Amino acid sequence: IDNHGTAVNVTPARATARIKFRAS
């Protein structure tokens, strides 16, 4: 999960979730 460097006293304008799904 990534809030792109947002500080804790700033409302995040973007939240990104990245998932690596590996299957056989």
mmCIF file of all heavy atoms, coordinates in Angstrom:
data_MODEL
# 
_entry.id   MODEL 
# 
loop_
_atom_site.group_PDB 
_atom_site.id 
_atom_site.type_symbol 
_atom_site.label_atom_id 
_atom_site.label_alt_id 
_atom_site.label_comp_id 
_atom_site.label_asym_id 
_atom_site.label_entity_id 
_atom_site.label_seq_id 
_atom_site.pdbx_PDB_ins_code 
_atom_site.Cartn_x 
_atom_site.Cartn_y 
_atom_site.Cartn_z 
_atom_site.occupancy 
_atom_site.B_iso_or_equiv 
_atom_site.pdbx_formal_charge 
_atom_site.auth_seq_id 
_atom_site.auth_comp_id 
_atom_site.auth_asym_id 
_atom_site.auth_atom_id 
_atom_site.pdbx_PDB_model_num 
ATOM 1   N N   . ILE A 1 1  ? 0.846  -1.196  0.000   1.00 0.00 ? 1  ILE A N   1 
ATOM 2   C CA  . ILE A 1 1  ? 0.000  0.000   0.000   1.00 0.00 ? 1  ILE A CA  1 
ATOM 3   C C   . ILE A 1 1  ? 0.879  1.244   0.000   1.00 0.00 ? 1  ILE A C   1 
ATOM 4   O O   . ILE A 1 1  ? 1.899  1.294   0.686   1.00 0.00 ? 1  ILE A O   1 
ATOM 5   C CB  . ILE A 1 1  ? -0.927 0.007   1.224   1.00 0.00 ? 1  ILE A CB  1 
ATOM 6   C CG1 . ILE A 1 1  ? -1.802 -1.244  1.237   1.00 0.00 ? 1  ILE A CG1 1 
ATOM 7   C CG2 . ILE A 1 1  ? -1.803 1.253   1.240   1.00 0.00 ? 1  ILE A CG2 1 
ATOM 8   C CD1 . ILE A 1 1  ? -2.598 -1.428  2.508   1.00 0.00 ? 1  ILE A CD1 1 
ATOM 9   N N   . ASP A 1 2  ? 0.452  2.264   -0.745  1.00 0.00 ? 2  ASP A N   1 
ATOM 10  C CA  . ASP A 1 2  ? 1.264  3.467   -0.921  1.00 0.00 ? 2  ASP A CA  1 
ATOM 11  C C   . ASP A 1 2  ? 0.378  4.706   -0.855  1.00 0.00 ? 2  ASP A C   1 
ATOM 12  O O   . ASP A 1 2  ? -0.614 4.817   -1.579  1.00 0.00 ? 2  ASP A O   1 
ATOM 13  C CB  . ASP A 1 2  ? 1.965  3.408   -2.286  1.00 0.00 ? 2  ASP A CB  1 
ATOM 14  C CG  . ASP A 1 2  ? 2.982  4.515   -2.481  1.00 0.00 ? 2  ASP A CG  1 
ATOM 15  O OD1 . ASP A 1 2  ? 3.194  5.308   -1.540  1.00 0.00 ? 2  ASP A OD1 1 
ATOM 16  O OD2 . ASP A 1 2  ? 3.563  4.588   -3.580  1.00 0.00 ? 2  ASP A OD2 1 
ATOM 17  N N   . ASN A 1 3  ? 0.747  5.665   0.025   1.00 0.00 ? 3  ASN A N   1 
ATOM 18  C CA  . ASN A 1 3  ? 0.097  6.976   0.063   1.00 0.00 ? 3  ASN A CA  1 
ATOM 19  C C   . ASN A 1 3  ? 0.993  8.055   -0.553  1.00 0.00 ? 3  ASN A C   1 
ATOM 20  O O   . ASN A 1 3  ? 0.772  9.255   -0.351  1.00 0.00 ? 3  ASN A O   1 
ATOM 21  C CB  . ASN A 1 3  ? -0.284 7.369   1.481   1.00 0.00 ? 3  ASN A CB  1 
ATOM 22  C CG  . ASN A 1 3  ? -1.611 6.792   1.925   1.00 0.00 ? 3  ASN A CG  1 
ATOM 23  O OD1 . ASN A 1 3  ? -1.797 6.451   3.083   1.00 0.00 ? 3  ASN A OD1 1 
ATOM 24  N ND2 . ASN A 1 3  ? -2.559 6.681   1.017   1.00 0.00 ? 3  ASN A ND2 1 
ATOM 25  N N   . HIS A 1 4  ? 2.017  7.618   -1.279  1.00 0.00 ? 4  HIS A N   1 
ATOM 26  C CA  . HIS A 1 4  ? 2.835  8.512   -2.104  1.00 0.00 ? 4  HIS A CA  1 
ATOM 27  C C   . HIS A 1 4  ? 3.466  9.640   -1.292  1.00 0.00 ? 4  HIS A C   1 
ATOM 28  O O   . HIS A 1 4  ? 3.488  10.802  -1.705  1.00 0.00 ? 4  HIS A O   1 
ATOM 29  C CB  . HIS A 1 4  ? 1.987  9.068   -3.254  1.00 0.00 ? 4  HIS A CB  1 
ATOM 30  C CG  . HIS A 1 4  ? 1.303  7.992   -4.042  1.00 0.00 ? 4  HIS A CG  1 
ATOM 31  N ND1 . HIS A 1 4  ? 1.940  7.255   -5.009  1.00 0.00 ? 4  HIS A ND1 1 
ATOM 32  C CD2 . HIS A 1 4  ? 0.033  7.489   -3.966  1.00 0.00 ? 4  HIS A CD2 1 
ATOM 33  C CE1 . HIS A 1 4  ? 1.106  6.362   -5.519  1.00 0.00 ? 4  HIS A CE1 1 
ATOM 34  N NE2 . HIS A 1 4  ? -0.059 6.480   -4.893  1.00 0.00 ? 4  HIS A NE2 1 
ATOM 35  N N   . GLY A 1 5  ? 3.982  9.298   -0.120  1.00 0.00 ? 5  GLY A N   1 
ATOM 36  C CA  . GLY A 1 5  ? 4.724  10.253  0.692   1.00 0.00 ? 5  GLY A CA  1 
ATOM 37  C C   . GLY A 1 5  ? 3.880  11.233  1.469   1.00 0.00 ? 5  GLY A C   1 
ATOM 38  O O   . GLY A 1 5  ? 4.422  12.203  2.022   1.00 0.00 ? 5  GLY A O   1 
ATOM 39  N N   . THR A 1 6  ? 2.590  11.006  1.577   1.00 0.00 ? 6  THR A N   1 
ATOM 40  C CA  . THR A 1 6  ? 1.721  11.937  2.284   1.00 0.00 ? 6  THR A CA  1 
ATOM 41  C C   . THR A 1 6  ? 2.047  11.968  3.781   1.00 0.00 ? 6  THR A C   1 
ATOM 42  O O   . THR A 1 6  ? 2.198  10.912  4.410   1.00 0.00 ? 6  THR A O   1 
ATOM 43  C CB  . THR A 1 6  ? 0.243  11.538  2.104   1.00 0.00 ? 6  THR A CB  1 
ATOM 44  O OG1 . THR A 1 6  ? -0.049 11.473  0.712   1.00 0.00 ? 6  THR A OG1 1 
ATOM 45  C CG2 . THR A 1 6  ? -0.685 12.538  2.770   1.00 0.00 ? 6  THR A CG2 1 
ATOM 46  N N   . ALA A 1 7  ? 2.127  13.166  4.344   1.00 0.00 ? 7  ALA A N   1 
ATOM 47  C CA  . ALA A 1 7  ? 2.398  13.314  5.772   1.00 0.00 ? 7  ALA A CA  1 
ATOM 48  C C   . ALA A 1 7  ? 1.139  12.984  6.574   1.00 0.00 ? 7  ALA A C   1 
ATOM 49  O O   . ALA A 1 7  ? 0.017  13.018  6.068   1.00 0.00 ? 7  ALA A O   1 
ATOM 50  C CB  . ALA A 1 7  ? 2.855  14.739  6.074   1.00 0.00 ? 7  ALA A CB  1 
ATOM 51  N N   . VAL A 1 8  ? 1.335  12.691  7.867   1.00 0.00 ? 8  VAL A N   1 
ATOM 52  C CA  . VAL A 1 8  ? 0.219  12.234  8.687   1.00 0.00 ? 8  VAL A CA  1 
ATOM 53  C C   . VAL A 1 8  ? -0.783 13.347  8.974   1.00 0.00 ? 8  VAL A C   1 
ATOM 54  O O   . VAL A 1 8  ? -1.922 13.075  9.369   1.00 0.00 ? 8  VAL A O   1 
ATOM 55  C CB  . VAL A 1 8  ? 0.749  11.607  9.997   1.00 0.00 ? 8  VAL A CB  1 
ATOM 56  C CG1 . VAL A 1 8  ? 1.284  12.685  10.941  1.00 0.00 ? 8  VAL A CG1 1 
ATOM 57  C CG2 . VAL A 1 8  ? -0.309 10.736  10.665  1.00 0.00 ? 8  VAL A CG2 1 
ATOM 58  N N   . ASN A 1 9  ? -0.411 14.615  8.768   1.00 0.00 ? 9  ASN A N   1 
ATOM 59  C CA  . ASN A 1 9  ? -1.352 15.715  8.982   1.00 0.00 ? 9  ASN A CA  1 
ATOM 60  C C   . ASN A 1 9  ? -1.932 16.243  7.669   1.00 0.00 ? 9  ASN A C   1 
ATOM 61  O O   . ASN A 1 9  ? -2.443 17.355  7.598   1.00 0.00 ? 9  ASN A O   1 
ATOM 62  C CB  . ASN A 1 9  ? -0.685 16.856  9.757   1.00 0.00 ? 9  ASN A CB  1 
ATOM 63  C CG  . ASN A 1 9  ? 0.563  17.393  9.064   1.00 0.00 ? 9  ASN A CG  1 
ATOM 64  O OD1 . ASN A 1 9  ? 0.996  16.843  8.044   1.00 0.00 ? 9  ASN A OD1 1 
ATOM 65  N ND2 . ASN A 1 9  ? 1.132  18.462  9.625   1.00 0.00 ? 9  ASN A ND2 1 
ATOM 66  N N   . VAL A 1 10 ? -1.845 15.462  6.628   1.00 0.00 ? 10 VAL A N   1 
ATOM 67  C CA  . VAL A 1 10 ? -2.391 15.805  5.313   1.00 0.00 ? 10 VAL A CA  1 
ATOM 68  C C   . VAL A 1 10 ? -3.395 14.723  4.915   1.00 0.00 ? 10 VAL A C   1 
ATOM 69  O O   . VAL A 1 10 ? -3.127 13.526  5.057   1.00 0.00 ? 10 VAL A O   1 
ATOM 70  C CB  . VAL A 1 10 ? -1.282 15.911  4.249   1.00 0.00 ? 10 VAL A CB  1 
ATOM 71  C CG1 . VAL A 1 10 ? -1.871 16.177  2.865   1.00 0.00 ? 10 VAL A CG1 1 
ATOM 72  C CG2 . VAL A 1 10 ? -0.290 17.016  4.629   1.00 0.00 ? 10 VAL A CG2 1 
ATOM 73  N N   . THR A 1 11 ? -4.550 15.142  4.420   1.00 0.00 ? 11 THR A N   1 
ATOM 74  C CA  . THR A 1 11 ? -5.535 14.179  3.934   1.00 0.00 ? 11 THR A CA  1 
ATOM 75  C C   . THR A 1 11 ? -5.037 13.588  2.616   1.00 0.00 ? 11 THR A C   1 
ATOM 76  O O   . THR A 1 11 ? -4.807 14.332  1.652   1.00 0.00 ? 11 THR A O   1 
ATOM 77  C CB  . THR A 1 11 ? -6.893 14.856  3.701   1.00 0.00 ? 11 THR A CB  1 
ATOM 78  O OG1 . THR A 1 11 ? -7.300 15.516  4.898   1.00 0.00 ? 11 THR A OG1 1 
ATOM 79  C CG2 . THR A 1 11 ? -7.940 13.833  3.303   1.00 0.00 ? 11 THR A CG2 1 
ATOM 80  N N   . PRO A 1 12 ? -4.854 12.271  2.531   1.00 0.00 ? 12 PRO A N   1 
ATOM 81  C CA  . PRO A 1 12 ? -4.289 11.680  1.310   1.00 0.00 ? 12 PRO A CA  1 
ATOM 82  C C   . PRO A 1 12 ? -5.203 11.872  0.101   1.00 0.00 ? 12 PRO A C   1 
ATOM 83  O O   . PRO A 1 12 ? -6.394 11.542  0.158   1.00 0.00 ? 12 PRO A O   1 
ATOM 84  C CB  . PRO A 1 12 ? -4.154 10.200  1.658   1.00 0.00 ? 12 PRO A CB  1 
ATOM 85  C CG  . PRO A 1 12 ? -4.146 10.142  3.151   1.00 0.00 ? 12 PRO A CG  1 
ATOM 86  C CD  . PRO A 1 12 ? -5.023 11.260  3.593   1.00 0.00 ? 12 PRO A CD  1 
ATOM 87  N N   . ALA A 1 13 ? -4.629 12.396  -0.963  1.00 0.00 ? 13 ALA A N   1 
ATOM 88  C CA  . ALA A 1 13 ? -5.388 12.582  -2.204  1.00 0.00 ? 13 ALA A CA  1 
ATOM 89  C C   . ALA A 1 13 ? -5.386 11.325  -3.061  1.00 0.00 ? 13 ALA A C   1 
ATOM 90  O O   . ALA A 1 13 ? -6.214 11.198  -3.973  1.00 0.00 ? 13 ALA A O   1 
ATOM 91  C CB  . ALA A 1 13 ? -4.801 13.744  -3.000  1.00 0.00 ? 13 ALA A CB  1 
ATOM 92  N N   . ARG A 1 14 ? -4.472 10.407  -2.780  1.00 0.00 ? 14 ARG A N   1 
ATOM 93  C CA  . ARG A 1 14 ? -4.417 9.174   -3.568  1.00 0.00 ? 14 ARG A CA  1 
ATOM 94  C C   . ARG A 1 14 ? -3.907 8.039   -2.689  1.00 0.00 ? 14 ARG A C   1 
ATOM 95  O O   . ARG A 1 14 ? -2.963 8.211   -1.913  1.00 0.00 ? 14 ARG A O   1 
ATOM 96  C CB  . ARG A 1 14 ? -3.514 9.339   -4.789  1.00 0.00 ? 14 ARG A CB  1 
ATOM 97  C CG  . ARG A 1 14 ? -3.239 8.042   -5.548  1.00 0.00 ? 14 ARG A CG  1 
ATOM 98  C CD  . ARG A 1 14 ? -2.536 8.284   -6.861  1.00 0.00 ? 14 ARG A CD  1 
ATOM 99  N NE  . ARG A 1 14 ? -3.440 8.867   -7.848  1.00 0.00 ? 14 ARG A NE  1 
ATOM 100 C CZ  . ARG A 1 14 ? -3.222 8.875   -9.157  1.00 0.00 ? 14 ARG A CZ  1 
ATOM 101 N NH1 . ARG A 1 14 ? -2.119 8.336   -9.644  1.00 0.00 ? 14 ARG A NH1 1 
ATOM 102 N NH2 . ARG A 1 14 ? -4.080 9.416   -9.982  1.00 0.00 ? 14 ARG A NH2 1 
ATOM 103 N N   . ALA A 1 15 ? -4.558 6.910   -2.824  1.00 0.00 ? 15 ALA A N   1 
ATOM 104 C CA  . ALA A 1 15 ? -4.113 5.688   -2.147  1.00 0.00 ? 15 ALA A CA  1 
ATOM 105 C C   . ALA A 1 15 ? -3.998 4.594   -3.193  1.00 0.00 ? 15 ALA A C   1 
ATOM 106 O O   . ALA A 1 15 ? -4.946 4.339   -3.946  1.00 0.00 ? 15 ALA A O   1 
ATOM 107 C CB  . ALA A 1 15 ? -5.100 5.289   -1.053  1.00 0.00 ? 15 ALA A CB  1 
ATOM 108 N N   . THR A 1 16 ? -2.837 3.962   -3.258  1.00 0.00 ? 16 THR A N   1 
ATOM 109 C CA  . THR A 1 16 ? -2.582 2.939   -4.264  1.00 0.00 ? 16 THR A CA  1 
ATOM 110 C C   . THR A 1 16 ? -2.270 1.612   -3.587  1.00 0.00 ? 16 THR A C   1 
ATOM 111 O O   . THR A 1 16 ? -1.423 1.548   -2.690  1.00 0.00 ? 16 THR A O   1 
ATOM 112 C CB  . THR A 1 16 ? -1.403 3.341   -5.167  1.00 0.00 ? 16 THR A CB  1 
ATOM 113 O OG1 . THR A 1 16 ? -1.698 4.579   -5.813  1.00 0.00 ? 16 THR A OG1 1 
ATOM 114 C CG2 . THR A 1 16 ? -1.145 2.273   -6.225  1.00 0.00 ? 16 THR A CG2 1 
ATOM 115 N N   . ALA A 1 17 ? -2.986 0.600   -4.008  1.00 0.00 ? 17 ALA A N   1 
ATOM 116 C CA  . ALA A 1 17 ? -2.683 -0.764  -3.562  1.00 0.00 ? 17 ALA A CA  1 
ATOM 117 C C   . ALA A 1 17 ? -2.148 -1.545  -4.746  1.00 0.00 ? 17 ALA A C   1 
ATOM 118 O O   . ALA A 1 17 ? -2.719 -1.513  -5.837  1.00 0.00 ? 17 ALA A O   1 
ATOM 119 C CB  . ALA A 1 17 ? -3.935 -1.438  -3.009  1.00 0.00 ? 17 ALA A CB  1 
ATOM 120 N N   . ARG A 1 18 ? -1.039 -2.215  -4.537  1.00 0.00 ? 18 ARG A N   1 
ATOM 121 C CA  . ARG A 1 18 ? -0.478 -3.077  -5.578  1.00 0.00 ? 18 ARG A CA  1 
ATOM 122 C C   . ARG A 1 18 ? -0.432 -4.509  -5.054  1.00 0.00 ? 18 ARG A C   1 
ATOM 123 O O   . ARG A 1 18 ? -0.003 -4.747  -3.925  1.00 0.00 ? 18 ARG A O   1 
ATOM 124 C CB  . ARG A 1 18 ? 0.914  -2.597  -5.988  1.00 0.00 ? 18 ARG A CB  1 
ATOM 125 C CG  . ARG A 1 18 ? 0.892  -1.261  -6.722  1.00 0.00 ? 18 ARG A CG  1 
ATOM 126 C CD  . ARG A 1 18 ? 2.270  -0.831  -7.177  1.00 0.00 ? 18 ARG A CD  1 
ATOM 127 N NE  . ARG A 1 18 ? 3.134  -0.502  -6.059  1.00 0.00 ? 18 ARG A NE  1 
ATOM 128 C CZ  . ARG A 1 18 ? 4.307  -1.052  -5.815  1.00 0.00 ? 18 ARG A CZ  1 
ATOM 129 N NH1 . ARG A 1 18 ? 4.770  -1.995  -6.624  1.00 0.00 ? 18 ARG A NH1 1 
ATOM 130 N NH2 . ARG A 1 18 ? 5.021  -0.690  -4.775  1.00 0.00 ? 18 ARG A NH2 1 
ATOM 131 N N   . ILE A 1 19 ? -0.879 -5.420  -5.881  1.00 0.00 ? 19 ILE A N   1 
ATOM 132 C CA  . ILE A 1 19 ? -0.931 -6.831  -5.509  1.00 0.00 ? 19 ILE A CA  1 
ATOM 133 C C   . ILE A 1 19 ? -0.224 -7.648  -6.580  1.00 0.00 ? 19 ILE A C   1 
ATOM 134 O O   . ILE A 1 19 ? -0.500 -7.474  -7.779  1.00 0.00 ? 19 ILE A O   1 
ATOM 135 C CB  . ILE A 1 19 ? -2.383 -7.321  -5.362  1.00 0.00 ? 19 ILE A CB  1 
ATOM 136 C CG1 . ILE A 1 19 ? -3.099 -6.544  -4.248  1.00 0.00 ? 19 ILE A CG1 1 
ATOM 137 C CG2 . ILE A 1 19 ? -2.429 -8.823  -5.091  1.00 0.00 ? 19 ILE A CG2 1 
ATOM 138 C CD1 . ILE A 1 19 ? -4.589 -6.806  -4.184  1.00 0.00 ? 19 ILE A CD1 1 
ATOM 139 N N   . LYS A 1 20 ? 0.678  -8.501  -6.154  1.00 0.00 ? 20 LYS A N   1 
ATOM 140 C CA  . LYS A 1 20 ? 1.301  -9.473  -7.066  1.00 0.00 ? 20 LYS A CA  1 
ATOM 141 C C   . LYS A 1 20 ? 0.617  -10.813 -6.845  1.00 0.00 ? 20 LYS A C   1 
ATOM 142 O O   . LYS A 1 20 ? 0.718  -11.407 -5.774  1.00 0.00 ? 20 LYS A O   1 
ATOM 143 C CB  . LYS A 1 20 ? 2.813  -9.587  -6.858  1.00 0.00 ? 20 LYS A CB  1 
ATOM 144 C CG  . LYS A 1 20 ? 3.455  -10.595 -7.815  1.00 0.00 ? 20 LYS A CG  1 
ATOM 145 C CD  . LYS A 1 20 ? 4.958  -10.505 -7.800  1.00 0.00 ? 20 LYS A CD  1 
ATOM 146 C CE  . LYS A 1 20 ? 5.484  -9.339  -8.612  1.00 0.00 ? 20 LYS A CE  1 
ATOM 147 N NZ  . LYS A 1 20 ? 5.266  -9.496  -10.072 1.00 0.00 ? 20 LYS A NZ  1 
ATOM 148 N N   . PHE A 1 21 ? -0.067 -11.261 -7.882  1.00 0.00 ? 21 PHE A N   1 
ATOM 149 C CA  . PHE A 1 21 ? -0.789 -12.531 -7.850  1.00 0.00 ? 21 PHE A CA  1 
ATOM 150 C C   . PHE A 1 21 ? -0.031 -13.511 -8.725  1.00 0.00 ? 21 PHE A C   1 
ATOM 151 O O   . PHE A 1 21 ? 0.028  -13.368 -9.939  1.00 0.00 ? 21 PHE A O   1 
ATOM 152 C CB  . PHE A 1 21 ? -2.219 -12.304 -8.356  1.00 0.00 ? 21 PHE A CB  1 
ATOM 153 C CG  . PHE A 1 21 ? -3.023 -13.561 -8.580  1.00 0.00 ? 21 PHE A CG  1 
ATOM 154 C CD1 . PHE A 1 21 ? -2.926 -14.647 -7.718  1.00 0.00 ? 21 PHE A CD1 1 
ATOM 155 C CD2 . PHE A 1 21 ? -3.905 -13.641 -9.646  1.00 0.00 ? 21 PHE A CD2 1 
ATOM 156 C CE1 . PHE A 1 21 ? -3.677 -15.797 -7.925  1.00 0.00 ? 21 PHE A CE1 1 
ATOM 157 C CE2 . PHE A 1 21 ? -4.665 -14.781 -9.858  1.00 0.00 ? 21 PHE A CE2 1 
ATOM 158 C CZ  . PHE A 1 21 ? -4.544 -15.858 -9.001  1.00 0.00 ? 21 PHE A CZ  1 
ATOM 159 N N   . ARG A 1 22 ? 0.598  -14.509 -8.071  1.00 0.00 ? 22 ARG A N   1 
ATOM 160 C CA  . ARG A 1 22 ? 1.370  -15.521 -8.793  1.00 0.00 ? 22 ARG A CA  1 
ATOM 161 C C   . ARG A 1 22 ? 0.631  -16.851 -8.725  1.00 0.00 ? 22 ARG A C   1 
ATOM 162 O O   . ARG A 1 22 ? 0.294  -17.313 -7.637  1.00 0.00 ? 22 ARG A O   1 
ATOM 163 C CB  . ARG A 1 22 ? 2.756  -15.717 -8.171  1.00 0.00 ? 22 ARG A CB  1 
ATOM 164 C CG  . ARG A 1 22 ? 3.760  -14.610 -8.415  1.00 0.00 ? 22 ARG A CG  1 
ATOM 165 C CD  . ARG A 1 22 ? 5.134  -15.111 -7.991  1.00 0.00 ? 22 ARG A CD  1 
ATOM 166 N NE  . ARG A 1 22 ? 6.165  -14.111 -8.141  1.00 0.00 ? 22 ARG A NE  1 
ATOM 167 C CZ  . ARG A 1 22 ? 6.645  -13.375 -7.144  1.00 0.00 ? 22 ARG A CZ  1 
ATOM 168 N NH1 . ARG A 1 22 ? 6.142  -13.528 -5.929  1.00 0.00 ? 22 ARG A NH1 1 
ATOM 169 N NH2 . ARG A 1 22 ? 7.598  -12.500 -7.339  1.00 0.00 ? 22 ARG A NH2 1 
ATOM 170 N N   . ALA A 1 23 ? 0.438  -17.467 -9.875  1.00 0.00 ? 23 ALA A N   1 
ATOM 171 C CA  . ALA A 1 23 ? -0.256 -18.748 -9.914  1.00 0.00 ? 23 ALA A CA  1 
ATOM 172 C C   . ALA A 1 23 ? 0.443  -19.692 -10.875 1.00 0.00 ? 23 ALA A C   1 
ATOM 173 O O   . ALA A 1 23 ? 1.046  -19.255 -11.862 1.00 0.00 ? 23 ALA A O   1 
ATOM 174 C CB  . ALA A 1 23 ? -1.714 -18.555 -10.330 1.00 0.00 ? 23 ALA A CB  1 
ATOM 175 N N   . SER A 1 24 ? 0.346  -20.987 -10.590 1.00 0.00 ? 24 SER A N   1 
ATOM 176 C CA  . SER A 1 24 ? 0.906  -22.000 -11.473 1.00 0.00 ? 24 SER A CA  1 
ATOM 177 C C   . SER A 1 24 ? -0.086 -22.323 -12.580 1.00 0.00 ? 24 SER A C   1 
ATOM 178 O O   . SER A 1 24 ? -1.227 -21.841 -12.597 1.00 0.00 ? 24 SER A O   1 
ATOM 179 C CB  . SER A 1 24 ? 1.253  -23.264 -10.694 1.00 0.00 ? 24 SER A CB  1 
ATOM 180 O OG  . SER A 1 24 ? 0.074  -23.879 -10.207 1.00 0.00 ? 24 SER A OG  1 
# 
